Amino acid sequence: MSRNWEEIIVLSGEGGRITLFGSKTLDGTWIFMKETNETALADILEDEDLSALVHQKSKEVTDWEQAIALLGRSWMRLRPRYIHPVFKQQIWSEVTSKDDDHDLRHWERLCMNHDNA
């Protein structure tokens, strides 16, 4: 059976983009996977290095803590581009629970608004 993957959170940084995808299962739970897109590095990498880096997908995980762990330690320092409406409160809780010096303006705009404009 093919999964219907939805973007949960899209983050951007200097080298590319990280997207956490989710798929709702028949029993109402979610599974998650991460995809990285480093195409911004295409101009500076050799072809053999680029093929391993440009698009990478993670394994699938079954709970929220594992999904957040897929994003890496410093994901909150990246710029959020999109947050799925169902996960806005959970993501806001994650970014505000850490004693880190990241800028909350962009997070607040996406998490507290009903749209992702």
Protein backbone atom coordinates (compact mmCIF):
# COMPACT_ATOMS: atom_id res chain seq x y z
CA MET A 1 0.00 0.00 0.00
CA SER A 2 1.36 3.39 -0.98
CA ARG A 3 1.61 6.05 1.72
CA ASN A 4 0.21 9.54 1.40
CA TRP A 5 3.08 11.69 2.71
CA GLU A 6 2.32 15.22 3.89
CA GLU A 7 4.78 17.95 4.75
CA ILE A 8 4.84 18.41 8.53
CA ILE A 9 7.60 21.00 8.74
CA VAL A 10 9.84 22.52 6.09
CA LEU A 11 13.09 24.15 7.25
CA SER A 12 15.61 26.05 5.17
CA GLY A 13 19.23 26.92 5.72
CA GLU A 14 22.21 28.03 3.69
CA GLY A 15 22.87 24.65 2.11
CA GLY A 16 19.36 23.52 1.34
CA ARG A 17 16.19 22.29 2.93
CA ILE A 18 15.03 19.72 5.49
CA THR A 19 11.48 18.43 5.31
CA LEU A 20 9.81 16.24 7.90
CA PHE A 21 7.04 14.25 6.24
CA GLY A 22 4.20 12.46 7.98
CA SER A 23 1.67 9.89 6.90
CA LYS A 24 -1.47 9.18 8.89
CA THR A 25 -2.09 5.46 9.30
CA LEU A 26 -5.44 3.68 9.24
CA ASP A 27 -5.58 3.65 13.04
CA GLY A 28 -5.08 7.44 13.20
CA THR A 29 -1.46 7.45 14.32
CA TRP A 30 1.31 9.09 12.31
CA ILE A 31 4.59 7.80 10.94
CA PHE A 32 7.37 10.18 9.97
CA MET A 33 10.47 10.43 7.78
CA LYS A 34 12.93 13.18 6.95
CA GLU A 35 14.15 14.23 3.54
CA THR A 36 17.06 16.56 2.91
CA ASN A 37 17.61 18.51 -0.27
CA GLU A 38 21.07 20.02 -0.59
CA THR A 39 20.85 21.20 -4.21
CA ALA A 40 22.20 24.61 -3.18
CA LEU A 41 25.59 22.90 -2.80
CA ALA A 42 25.57 21.64 -6.40
CA ASP A 43 27.87 24.38 -7.63
CA ILE A 44 30.65 23.64 -5.14
CA LEU A 45 30.67 19.84 -4.94
CA GLU A 46 32.14 17.25 -7.27
CA ASP A 47 29.65 14.97 -9.04
CA GLU A 48 30.52 11.93 -6.92
CA ASP A 49 30.03 13.90 -3.67
CA LEU A 50 26.85 15.50 -4.92
CA SER A 51 25.05 12.26 -5.72
CA ALA A 52 25.34 11.12 -2.10
CA LEU A 53 24.24 14.42 -0.65
CA VAL A 54 21.56 16.03 -2.79
CA HIS A 55 18.51 14.01 -1.77
CA GLN A 56 18.53 11.78 1.28
CA LYS A 57 15.60 10.13 3.00
CA SER A 58 15.64 8.79 6.53
CA LYS A 59 14.12 5.65 7.90
CA GLU A 60 10.49 5.80 8.98
CA VAL A 61 9.81 6.38 12.68
CA THR A 62 6.60 5.95 14.62
CA ASP A 63 6.55 8.56 17.35
CA TRP A 64 6.95 12.31 17.75
CA GLU A 65 10.17 12.20 19.79
CA GLN A 66 11.87 10.09 17.12
CA ALA A 67 10.55 12.42 14.41
CA ILE A 68 12.02 15.47 16.14
CA ALA A 69 15.31 13.59 16.61
CA LEU A 70 15.47 13.04 12.84
CA LEU A 71 15.75 16.80 12.37
CA GLY A 72 19.03 16.96 14.28
CA ARG A 73 20.19 18.99 17.25
CA SER A 74 20.09 22.48 15.72
CA TRP A 75 16.91 22.33 13.66
CA MET A 76 15.36 25.23 15.61
CA ARG A 77 18.08 27.53 14.31
CA LEU A 78 16.95 26.94 10.74
CA ARG A 79 14.23 29.06 9.21
CA PRO A 80 10.78 27.47 9.20
CA ARG A 81 9.01 27.77 5.84
CA TYR A 82 5.90 25.68 6.49
CA ILE A 83 4.27 23.95 9.45
CA HIS A 84 1.35 21.54 9.05
CA PRO A 85 -1.73 22.91 10.88
CA VAL A 86 -2.16 19.72 12.94
CA PHE A 87 1.38 20.00 14.34
CA LYS A 88 1.65 23.76 15.02
CA GLN A 89 1.10 23.46 18.77
CA GLN A 90 3.50 20.53 19.15
CA ILE A 91 6.21 22.32 17.21
CA TRP A 92 5.67 25.55 19.15
CA SER A 93 6.04 23.57 22.38
CA GLU A 94 9.30 22.09 21.09
CA VAL A 95 10.86 25.41 20.09
CA THR A 96 9.83 27.22 23.27
CA SER A 97 10.84 24.42 25.65
CA LYS A 98 14.53 24.60 24.75
CA ASP A 99 16.84 27.09 26.42
CA ASP A 100 18.49 28.02 23.15
CA ASP A 101 19.34 31.33 21.53
CA HIS A 102 17.29 30.88 18.39
CA ASP A 103 15.03 33.57 16.97
CA LEU A 104 11.38 32.84 17.75
CA ARG A 105 9.86 35.44 15.39
CA HIS A 106 9.52 33.14 12.40
CA TRP A 107 8.38 30.24 14.56
CA GLU A 108 5.74 32.34 16.26
CA ARG A 109 4.44 33.65 12.94
CA LEU A 110 3.94 30.14 11.57
CA CYS A 111 2.83 28.39 14.75
CA MET A 112 0.42 30.98 16.07
CA ASN A 113 -1.29 31.96 12.80
CA HIS A 114 -3.96 29.88 11.14
CA ASP A 115 -2.24 30.13 7.79
CA ASN A 116 1.33 29.76 6.59
CA ALA A 117 1.59 33.00 4.64
